[in-house]
C-alpha cells in the first residue's frame, strides 16, 4: 500500500505569462495537479497542455510530468507513466516522490529489481518517508525476503506509529514467516487504526486460519465483505476457511463468486480445486487446478492440489509428476513432499516415500497428517515399532483419527501385540466402519 505523493506547481507562474494566456494556463495547472477531482483523462489532457506550453522549466516542469505520470498509472498506461517519471527525475534528480511512484509502477509491472532500485533512491533523498519504506517492504516480500520486508515495515511504523498500511503488510509478512501470533497482533492494530479498511480484516482472516481458528477467520472475512461486497480476496480466503470447517457447499459458493469477480485469479481456482478434492470430486479438481496452472505456471499449490486429485483418480504417475513440479517451484513446500510421499507409498516406492515424509516433517515438525502418512510407509516397510511411534504421535493430536488408529492397530498385530492391535482396530472401525477396506486398497491386510 502507498499513497500517491502530490506535487504543487507554484501559482506565481502567472507572472511569466501574458494576461490572455495566464488565466487559461493556470486553470490547466490547477486541473493537472494530482490532488484534484478530475478524471485521469482530463488530468492527462491538462498536464499535456501545461507541459507543451513551453513555459515551465526545471522543478515546475518536473512536477507537471510527475502529475501526468500519476494519471497514466491510474489509466494503467504503465509505460507512459514510467516515461513521465523519467522526465521528472531528469529535470529534478533529487525528486524523491518521483522515484517512489516510478518504483510503484515498476512493481505493478512485476519488475521488482527496478522497483527496489527506485525505492532505494526515494529513501536516500527522503529518509523519513514511511511510504517508501513500506513499498520497499512489499517488494522484498514479493521476492520472498520476509526478513528485509519486516525490517522495512518496522521502520515505516517507527516513522509513523499510526501508519495503518504498514501494520497490514507486516501482518502479511509475519504470517508467511510463520509468526502467527505477531501477525494477529499487527492485523488487530491495523483494524483499530482504521476499522473501515477491509484489508485488515482479510489479512486477519488468513492469520486466524493459519492458526487453525477457522471460525474466527470466517467472521473476519465476512466483516471485510460487509465493508466491500466485491472484495475478491475475502471470498477466496473465506472459501478456504469454510472448507477447513467442512462447510463445503458454502466454500464452493465463495470460491465460485471469487472467480466471477476475477476470472484470472489463479488462487481462486486453486482453492476451488482443493474444495473439490475435499469432496472427492477429483475430476472437477483436476480441471480447476489445471486452469490455475494455465493462469500461473509458477503456482506450486495448484500443482500440489492436482497431485492430490490425480492420486484420488489413481493416476499415480501423474500425481508424482505434479508433486515433483510443485517441489521444483517451492523446495520448502512441505505439503508437496507429503503428498508425493503418499503417492509413492501407495504404489510401493517406499524408500522414496520415506525420504519425502522425512523432508516434510523437517519443514513441518510434528504435523499429524505427515506423521500418519509416514506411519503407513513404515508399516509397509515392516518397520512396525517406527510405524507405531508415528501413528501414536498423530493420535495424540487427534484421538478420533480412524486411519492412524487402524494403522497402529495393524502394526501392533504384526509385531505380536494382539490385544493392543485388536483394540485399536475396533476403535478405528467404530469411527469409520470401512477403514479395513480403505487399508486393503493401500496394500495392507
Protein backbone atom coordinates (compact mmCIF):
# COMPACT_ATOMS: atom_id res chain seq x y z
CA UNK A 1 0.00 0.00 0.00
CA UNK A 2 1.10 3.52 -0.59
CA UNK A 3 -0.28 6.97 -1.00
CA UNK A 4 0.44 8.96 -4.15
CA UNK A 5 2.64 11.95 -3.50
CA UNK A 6 1.36 15.27 -4.73
CA UNK A 7 3.39 17.94 -6.46
CA UNK A 8 2.23 21.55 -6.28
CA UNK A 9 3.07 23.92 -9.09
CA UNK A 10 3.61 27.47 -7.90
CA UNK A 11 0.82 29.88 -8.81
CA UNK A 12 3.42 32.59 -9.15
CA UNK A 13 3.98 31.29 -12.69
CA UNK A 14 1.33 33.79 -13.68
CA UNK A 15 3.97 36.49 -13.80
CA UNK A 16 5.68 34.61 -16.64
CA UNK A 17 2.58 34.52 -18.86
CA UNK A 18 0.77 37.10 -20.94
CA UNK A 19 -2.57 38.04 -19.40
CA UNK A 20 -4.59 36.34 -22.15
CA UNK A 21 -2.76 33.04 -21.71
CA UNK A 22 -2.23 33.26 -17.97
CA UNK A 23 -5.75 32.50 -16.75
CA UNK A 24 -6.20 29.64 -19.21
CA UNK A 25 -2.88 28.03 -18.31
CA UNK A 26 -3.44 28.45 -14.58
CA UNK A 27 -6.77 26.63 -14.85
CA UNK A 28 -4.99 23.81 -16.60
CA UNK A 29 -2.24 23.83 -13.99
CA UNK A 30 -4.87 23.53 -11.27
CA UNK A 31 -6.54 20.60 -13.06
CA UNK A 32 -3.17 18.96 -13.75
CA UNK A 33 -2.28 18.75 -10.07
CA UNK A 34 -2.79 15.27 -8.66
CA UNK A 35 -4.88 16.34 -5.65
CA UNK A 36 -7.93 17.43 -7.64
CA UNK A 37 -11.08 15.50 -8.53
CA UNK A 38 -10.54 15.46 -12.28
CA UNK A 39 -10.74 12.20 -14.20
CA UNK A 40 -7.39 10.72 -15.27
CA UNK A 41 -8.21 11.50 -18.93
CA UNK A 42 -8.90 15.15 -18.09
CA UNK A 43 -5.77 15.35 -15.95
CA UNK A 44 -3.65 13.89 -18.77
CA UNK A 45 -5.08 16.42 -21.22
CA UNK A 46 -4.44 19.38 -18.92
CA UNK A 47 -0.95 18.23 -17.91
CA UNK A 48 -0.07 17.73 -21.57
CA UNK A 49 -1.16 21.29 -22.37
CA UNK A 50 0.91 22.59 -19.46
CA UNK A 51 3.98 20.57 -20.49
CA UNK A 52 3.71 21.53 -24.16
CA UNK A 53 3.18 25.24 -23.41
CA UNK A 54 6.96 25.60 -23.18
CA UNK A 55 6.54 27.99 -20.26
CA UNK A 56 7.60 25.63 -17.44
CA UNK A 57 11.17 24.71 -16.64
CA UNK A 58 13.16 22.79 -14.05
CA UNK A 59 11.27 21.63 -10.98
CA UNK A 60 7.94 23.12 -12.10
CA UNK A 61 8.08 21.16 -15.36
CA UNK A 62 9.21 18.06 -13.42
CA UNK A 63 6.07 18.31 -11.29
CA UNK A 64 3.86 18.52 -14.35
CA UNK A 65 5.42 15.31 -15.72
CA UNK A 66 5.06 13.76 -12.27
CA UNK A 67 1.34 14.58 -12.07
CA UNK A 68 0.72 13.24 -15.58
CA UNK A 69 2.59 10.08 -14.59
CA UNK A 70 0.09 9.60 -11.75
CA UNK A 71 -2.79 9.93 -14.21
CA UNK A 72 -1.22 7.49 -16.66
CA UNK A 73 -0.78 4.94 -13.85
CA UNK A 74 -4.45 5.37 -12.90
CA UNK A 75 -5.29 4.55 -16.52
CA UNK A 76 -2.96 1.51 -16.41
CA UNK A 77 -0.75 3.06 -19.12
CA UNK A 78 2.30 1.97 -17.19
CA UNK A 79 4.99 2.53 -19.81
CA UNK A 80 3.80 6.10 -20.36
CA UNK A 81 3.78 6.64 -16.60
CA UNK A 82 7.39 5.46 -16.38
CA UNK A 83 8.37 7.74 -19.28
CA UNK A 84 6.88 10.72 -17.44
CA UNK A 85 8.61 9.85 -14.18
CA UNK A 86 11.85 9.50 -16.18
CA UNK A 87 11.38 13.07 -17.37
CA UNK A 88 10.54 14.31 -13.88
CA UNK A 89 13.72 12.74 -12.50
CA UNK A 90 15.83 14.05 -15.39
CA UNK A 91 14.61 17.57 -14.61
CA UNK A 92 14.87 17.14 -10.81
CA UNK A 93 17.35 14.35 -9.98
CA UNK A 94 16.57 14.53 -6.24
CA UNK A 95 12.79 14.24 -6.70
CA UNK A 96 12.15 11.54 -4.08
CA UNK A 97 8.44 11.15 -4.76
CA UNK A 98 9.07 10.63 -8.46
CA UNK A 99 11.40 7.74 -7.62
CA UNK A 100 8.77 6.38 -5.23
CA UNK A 101 5.95 6.47 -7.76
CA UNK A 102 8.14 5.12 -10.57
CA UNK A 103 9.04 2.27 -8.22
CA UNK A 104 5.33 1.61 -7.71
CA UNK A 105 4.81 1.41 -11.47
CA UNK A 106 7.74 -0.97 -11.89
CA UNK A 107 6.26 -3.08 -9.08
CA UNK A 108 2.90 -3.12 -10.85
CA UNK A 109 4.70 -4.39 -13.99
CA UNK A 110 6.39 -7.14 -11.97
CA UNK A 111 9.85 -5.59 -12.44
CA UNK A 112 10.85 -5.92 -8.80
CA UNK A 113 14.56 -5.20 -9.23
CA UNK A 114 13.93 -1.82 -10.87
CA UNK A 115 11.28 -1.11 -8.24
CA UNK A 116 13.78 -1.78 -5.44
CA UNK A 117 16.36 0.47 -7.08
CA UNK A 118 13.84 3.32 -7.21
CA UNK A 119 12.71 2.82 -3.61
CA UNK A 120 16.35 2.93 -2.53
CA UNK A 121 16.74 6.29 -4.26
CA UNK A 122 13.48 7.59 -2.78
CA UNK A 123 14.72 6.69 0.70
CA UNK A 124 18.15 8.19 0.01
CA UNK A 125 16.60 11.54 -0.87
CA UNK A 126 13.84 11.40 1.77
CA UNK A 127 14.81 9.02 4.61
CA UNK A 128 11.75 10.00 6.65
CA UNK A 129 9.18 8.82 4.11
CA UNK A 130 7.20 5.95 5.62
CA UNK A 131 5.56 5.20 2.25
CA UNK A 132 8.92 4.47 0.66
CA UNK A 133 9.91 2.01 3.38
CA UNK A 134 6.52 0.31 3.25
CA UNK A 135 6.55 -0.03 -0.53
CA UNK A 136 10.08 -1.38 -0.47
CA UNK A 137 8.92 -3.86 2.16
CA UNK A 138 6.11 -5.03 -0.12
CA UNK A 139 8.66 -5.57 -2.88
CA UNK A 140 11.01 -7.54 -0.63
CA UNK A 141 8.06 -9.70 0.41
CA UNK A 142 7.18 -10.32 -3.25
CA UNK A 143 10.77 -11.55 -3.71
CA UNK A 144 10.39 -13.89 -0.71
CA UNK A 145 12.77 -11.88 1.50
CA UNK A 146 10.50 -11.67 4.54
CA UNK A 147 13.18 -10.53 6.99
CA UNK A 148 14.04 -7.45 4.94
CA UNK A 149 10.37 -6.80 4.31
CA UNK A 150 9.61 -6.85 8.02
CA UNK A 151 12.59 -4.59 8.76
CA UNK A 152 11.19 -2.02 6.31
CA UNK A 153 7.71 -2.24 7.81
CA UNK A 154 9.29 -1.76 11.25
CA UNK A 155 10.94 1.43 10.03
CA UNK A 156 7.74 2.71 8.43
CA UNK A 157 5.92 2.19 11.73
CA UNK A 158 8.74 3.82 13.68
CA UNK A 159 8.47 6.87 11.44
CA UNK A 160 4.67 6.91 11.71
CA UNK A 161 3.20 4.75 14.54
CA UNK A 162 -0.31 5.32 13.15
CA UNK A 163 0.55 4.21 9.61
CA UNK A 164 -2.14 1.55 9.22
CA UNK A 165 -0.98 0.05 5.87
CA UNK A 166 2.38 -0.93 7.39
CA UNK A 167 0.64 -2.94 10.11
CA UNK A 168 -1.44 -4.77 7.48
CA UNK A 169 1.61 -5.50 5.34
CA UNK A 170 3.74 -6.56 8.30
CA UNK A 171 0.91 -8.86 9.42
CA UNK A 172 1.03 -10.47 5.99
CA UNK A 173 4.82 -10.89 6.03
CA UNK A 174 4.83 -12.28 9.59
CA UNK A 175 2.23 -14.85 8.51
CA UNK A 176 4.47 -16.06 5.71
CA UNK A 177 7.38 -16.30 8.13
CA UNK A 178 5.24 -18.43 10.45
CA UNK A 179 4.98 -15.88 13.29
CA UNK A 180 1.21 -16.13 13.56
CA UNK A 181 0.72 -14.52 16.99
CA UNK A 182 2.65 -11.40 15.97
CA UNK A 183 0.74 -11.36 12.67
CA UNK A 184 -2.59 -11.37 14.52
CA UNK A 185 -1.43 -8.55 16.76
CA UNK A 186 -0.46 -6.41 13.76
CA UNK A 187 -3.71 -7.00 11.89
CA UNK A 188 -5.68 -6.25 15.05
CA UNK A 189 -3.77 -2.98 15.45
CA UNK A 190 -4.46 -2.11 11.82
CA UNK A 191 -8.18 -2.64 12.40
CA UNK A 192 -8.07 -0.41 15.50
CA UNK A 193 -6.41 2.34 13.47
CA UNK A 194 -8.86 2.03 10.57
CA UNK A 195 -11.97 -0.09 11.30
CA UNK A 196 -13.24 0.53 7.76
CA UNK A 197 -10.20 -0.88 5.95
CA UNK A 198 -11.24 -4.27 4.62
CA UNK A 199 -7.60 -5.32 4.08
CA UNK A 200 -7.02 -5.53 7.83
CA UNK A 201 -9.93 -7.94 8.21
CA UNK A 202 -8.93 -10.02 5.18
CA UNK A 203 -5.37 -10.45 6.41
CA UNK A 204 -6.51 -11.26 9.94
CA UNK A 205 -8.94 -13.77 8.45
CA UNK A 206 -5.97 -15.57 6.90
CA UNK A 207 -3.87 -15.21 10.08
CA UNK A 208 -6.63 -16.89 12.10
CA UNK A 209 -6.87 -19.66 9.52
CA UNK A 210 -3.09 -20.16 9.71
CA UNK A 211 -3.54 -20.88 13.42
CA UNK A 212 -6.43 -23.26 12.77
CA UNK A 213 -9.05 -20.83 14.12
CA UNK A 214 -11.19 -21.09 11.01
CA UNK A 215 -14.41 -19.82 12.63
CA UNK A 216 -12.71 -16.55 13.58
CA UNK A 217 -11.30 -16.39 10.07
CA UNK A 218 -14.77 -16.74 8.55
CA UNK A 219 -16.03 -13.95 10.82
CA UNK A 220 -13.27 -11.56 9.72
CA UNK A 221 -13.67 -12.31 6.00
CA UNK A 222 -17.42 -11.80 6.43
CA UNK A 223 -16.72 -8.44 8.06
CA UNK A 224 -14.48 -7.50 5.12
CA UNK A 225 -17.29 -8.39 2.69
CA UNK A 226 -19.66 -6.22 4.71
CA UNK A 227 -17.31 -3.32 4.01
CA UNK A 228 -16.82 -4.27 0.36
CA UNK A 229 -19.12 -6.93 -1.16
CA UNK A 230 -16.80 -7.16 -4.18
CA UNK A 231 -13.62 -7.97 -2.26
CA UNK A 232 -12.49 -10.99 -4.23
CA UNK A 233 -9.70 -11.87 -1.77
CA UNK A 234 -12.23 -12.09 1.08
CA UNK A 235 -14.29 -14.62 -0.89
CA UNK A 236 -11.19 -16.70 -1.65
CA UNK A 237 -9.98 -16.71 1.95
CA UNK A 238 -13.44 -17.39 3.37
CA UNK A 239 -13.74 -20.27 0.90
CA UNK A 240 -10.54 -21.72 2.32
CA UNK A 241 -11.66 -21.31 5.95
CA UNK A 242 -15.13 -22.74 5.29
CA UNK A 243 -13.56 -25.75 3.59
CA UNK A 244 -11.49 -26.50 6.69
CA UNK A 245 -14.68 -26.28 8.76
CA UNK A 246 -16.26 -28.90 6.48
CA UNK A 247 -18.83 -26.47 5.09
CA UNK A 248 -18.02 -27.45 1.54
CA UNK A 249 -21.15 -26.08 -0.12
CA UNK A 250 -20.64 -22.58 1.29
CA UNK A 251 -16.93 -22.79 0.48
CA UNK A 252 -17.69 -23.76 -3.12
CA UNK A 253 -20.09 -20.82 -3.44
CA UNK A 254 -17.44 -18.40 -2.17
CA UNK A 255 -14.72 -19.64 -4.50
CA UNK A 256 -17.13 -19.55 -7.42
CA UNK A 257 -18.07 -15.96 -6.58
CA UNK A 258 -14.38 -15.04 -6.40
CA UNK A 259 -13.89 -16.47 -9.89
CA UNK A 260 -16.86 -14.47 -11.17
CA UNK A 261 -15.29 -11.29 -9.77
CA UNK A 262 -11.86 -12.10 -11.21
CA UNK A 263 -11.76 -14.92 -13.79
CA UNK A 264 -7.96 -14.57 -13.98
CA UNK A 265 -7.28 -15.23 -10.29
CA UNK A 266 -5.33 -18.48 -10.15
CA UNK A 267 -5.68 -18.65 -6.35
CA UNK A 268 -9.48 -18.79 -6.59
CA UNK A 269 -9.28 -21.75 -8.98
CA UNK A 270 -6.63 -23.39 -6.79
CA UNK A 271 -8.82 -23.08 -3.66
CA UNK A 272 -11.89 -24.37 -5.50
CA UNK A 273 -9.73 -27.28 -6.70
CA UNK A 274 -8.95 -28.05 -3.05
CA UNK A 275 -12.66 -27.82 -2.23
CA UNK A 276 -13.41 -30.39 -4.92
CA UNK A 277 -10.61 -32.60 -3.55
CA UNK A 278 -12.19 -32.43 -0.09
CA UNK A 279 -15.48 -33.59 -1.62
CA UNK A 280 -13.67 -36.31 -3.60
CA UNK A 281 -14.84 -34.71 -6.85
CA UNK A 282 -11.43 -35.32 -8.37
CA UNK A 283 -12.36 -34.71 -11.99
CA UNK A 284 -13.53 -31.16 -11.21
CA UNK A 285 -10.46 -30.69 -9.02
CA UNK A 286 -8.15 -31.57 -11.91
CA UNK A 287 -10.00 -29.11 -14.16
CA UNK A 288 -9.71 -26.23 -11.69
CA UNK A 289 -6.09 -26.84 -10.76
CA UNK A 290 -5.26 -27.11 -14.46
CA UNK A 291 -6.90 -23.73 -15.03
CA UNK A 292 -4.94 -22.27 -12.10
CA UNK A 293 -1.70 -23.58 -13.64
CA UNK A 294 -2.64 -22.13 -17.04
CA UNK A 295 -3.11 -18.73 -15.40
CA UNK A 296 0.06 -19.03 -13.33
CA UNK A 297 2.52 -21.79 -14.26
CA UNK A 298 4.51 -21.00 -11.10
CA UNK A 299 1.65 -21.77 -8.72
CA UNK A 300 3.16 -24.59 -6.67
CA UNK A 301 -0.04 -25.09 -4.66
CA UNK A 302 -2.02 -25.73 -7.83
CA UNK A 303 0.41 -28.47 -8.88
CA UNK A 304 0.16 -29.96 -5.39
CA UNK A 305 -3.64 -29.80 -5.49
CA UNK A 306 -3.71 -31.52 -8.88
CA UNK A 307 -1.30 -34.11 -7.46
CA UNK A 308 -3.91 -34.91 -4.81
CA UNK A 309 -6.65 -35.08 -7.43
CA UNK A 310 -4.67 -37.41 -9.70
CA UNK A 311 -3.95 -39.59 -6.68
CA UNK A 312 -7.69 -39.73 -5.99
CA UNK A 313 -8.20 -40.81 -9.60
CA UNK A 314 -5.47 -43.48 -9.07
CA UNK A 315 -3.27 -41.84 -11.68
CA UNK A 316 -0.19 -42.23 -9.52
CA UNK A 317 2.37 -41.34 -12.17
CA UNK A 318 0.68 -38.02 -12.91
CA UNK A 319 0.30 -37.38 -9.18
CA UNK A 320 4.01 -37.88 -8.52
CA UNK A 321 4.94 -35.73 -11.55
CA UNK A 322 2.78 -32.84 -10.31
CA UNK A 323 4.11 -33.01 -6.75
CA UNK A 324 7.63 -33.09 -8.15
CA UNK A 325 6.89 -29.92 -10.13
CA UNK A 326 5.44 -28.27 -7.02
CA UNK A 327 8.66 -29.03 -5.14
CA UNK A 328 10.77 -27.70 -8.02
CA UNK A 329 8.83 -24.43 -7.80
CA UNK A 330 8.99 -24.28 -3.99
CA UNK A 331 11.66 -26.53 -2.43
CA UNK A 332 10.33 -25.71 1.06
CA UNK A 333 6.74 -26.71 0.30
CA UNK A 334 6.09 -29.31 2.98
CA UNK A 335 2.66 -30.37 1.70
CA UNK A 336 4.09 -31.22 -1.71
CA UNK A 337 6.67 -33.54 -0.13
CA UNK A 338 3.90 -35.06 1.99
CA UNK A 339 1.59 -35.60 -0.98
CA UNK A 340 4.37 -37.15 -3.03
CA UNK A 341 5.26 -39.36 -0.06
CA UNK A 342 1.68 -40.61 -0.03
CA UNK A 343 1.51 -41.30 -3.75
CA UNK A 344 4.85 -43.14 -3.63
CA UNK A 345 3.72 -45.17 -0.63
CA UNK A 346 0.57 -46.33 -2.41
CA UNK A 347 2.49 -47.67 -5.42
CA UNK A 348 5.23 -49.21 -3.28
CA UNK A 349 8.10 -46.77 -3.83
CA UNK A 350 8.72 -46.95 -0.12
CA UNK A 351 12.27 -45.65 0.26
CA UNK A 352 11.45 -42.60 -1.85
CA UNK A 353 8.26 -42.16 0.15
CA UNK A 354 10.16 -42.34 3.45
CA UNK A 355 12.64 -39.69 2.26
CA UNK A 356 9.80 -37.38 1.23
CA UNK A 357 7.90 -37.78 4.51
CA UNK A 358 11.11 -37.16 6.45
CA UNK A 359 11.69 -33.96 4.47
CA UNK A 360 8.10 -32.85 5.03
CA UNK A 361 8.50 -33.35 8.78
CA UNK A 362 11.70 -31.33 8.80
CA UNK A 363 9.71 -28.47 7.31
CA UNK A 364 6.58 -29.05 9.41
CA UNK A 365 7.67 -30.86 12.60
CA UNK A 366 5.05 -32.91 14.44
CA UNK A 367 2.40 -32.45 11.76
CA UNK A 368 -0.24 -35.10 12.41
CA UNK A 369 -1.09 -35.79 8.76
CA UNK A 370 2.55 -36.25 7.77
CA UNK A 371 3.21 -38.44 10.81
CA UNK A 372 0.26 -40.64 9.88
CA UNK A 373 1.48 -40.91 6.28
CA UNK A 374 4.98 -41.84 7.43
CA UNK A 375 3.35 -44.41 9.71
CA UNK A 376 1.87 -46.06 6.61
CA UNK A 377 5.28 -46.09 4.92
CA UNK A 378 6.89 -47.68 7.99
CA UNK A 379 4.07 -50.21 8.19
CA UNK A 380 4.53 -51.25 4.56
CA UNK A 381 8.32 -51.41 5.08
CA UNK A 382 7.79 -53.79 8.00
CA UNK A 383 9.25 -51.28 10.50
CA UNK A 384 6.40 -51.88 12.93
CA UNK A 385 7.76 -50.09 16.00
CA UNK A 386 8.54 -46.97 13.97
CA UNK A 387 5.04 -47.17 12.50
CA UNK A 388 3.53 -47.42 15.99
CA UNK A 389 5.57 -44.40 17.10
CA UNK A 390 4.43 -42.27 14.17
CA UNK A 391 0.80 -43.29 14.39
CA UNK A 392 0.79 -42.70 18.16
CA UNK A 393 2.17 -39.18 17.68
CA UNK A 394 -0.62 -38.48 15.19
CA UNK A 395 -3.29 -39.92 17.51
CA UNK A 396 -2.05 -37.70 20.35
CA UNK A 397 -3.15 -34.73 18.27
CA UNK A 398 -6.42 -36.30 17.09
CA UNK A 399 -7.77 -39.20 19.14
CA UNK A 400 -10.51 -39.84 16.55
CA UNK A 401 -8.16 -40.29 13.61
CA UNK A 402 -9.52 -43.60 12.27
CA UNK A 403 -6.69 -44.07 9.78
CA UNK A 404 -3.96 -43.68 12.38
CA UNK A 405 -5.80 -45.90 14.85
CA UNK A 406 -6.24 -48.64 12.27
CA UNK A 407 -2.66 -48.34 11.03
CA UNK A 408 -1.32 -48.55 14.58
CA UNK A 409 -3.58 -51.50 15.24
CA UNK A 410 -2.22 -53.35 12.21
CA UNK A 411 1.36 -52.53 13.22
CA UNK A 412 0.69 -53.88 16.73
CA UNK A 413 -0.88 -57.07 15.37
CA UNK A 414 2.06 -57.65 13.03
CA UNK A 415 4.53 -57.05 15.88
CA UNK A 416 2.78 -59.56 18.16
CA UNK A 417 0.66 -57.24 20.33
CA UNK A 418 -2.64 -58.96 19.61
CA UNK A 419 -4.70 -57.34 22.38
CA UNK A 420 -3.46 -53.84 21.67
CA UNK A 421 -3.87 -54.33 17.93
CA UNK A 422 -7.44 -55.59 18.20
CA UNK A 423 -8.35 -52.68 20.48
CA UNK A 424 -7.02 -50.10 18.02
CA UNK A 425 -8.69 -51.80 15.03
CA UNK A 426 -12.03 -51.92 16.86
CA UNK A 427 -11.76 -48.25 17.83
CA UNK A 428 -10.97 -47.31 14.22
CA UNK A 429 -13.94 -49.28 12.86
CA UNK A 430 -16.25 -47.57 15.34
CA UNK A 431 -15.25 -44.24 13.82
CA UNK A 432 -15.04 -45.44 10.18
CA UNK A 433 -16.62 -48.86 9.58
CA UNK A 434 -14.99 -49.41 6.16
CA UNK A 435 -11.45 -48.49 7.25
CA UNK A 436 -10.24 -52.06 6.70
CA UNK A 437 -11.29 -51.85 3.04
CA UNK A 438 -9.50 -48.50 2.72
CA UNK A 439 -6.28 -50.03 4.03
CA UNK A 440 -6.69 -53.03 1.77
CA UNK A 441 -6.59 -50.51 -1.10
CA UNK A 442 -3.24 -49.32 0.29
CA UNK A 443 -1.94 -52.90 0.15
CA UNK A 444 -2.22 -53.51 3.93
CA UNK A 445 -4.21 -56.54 5.05
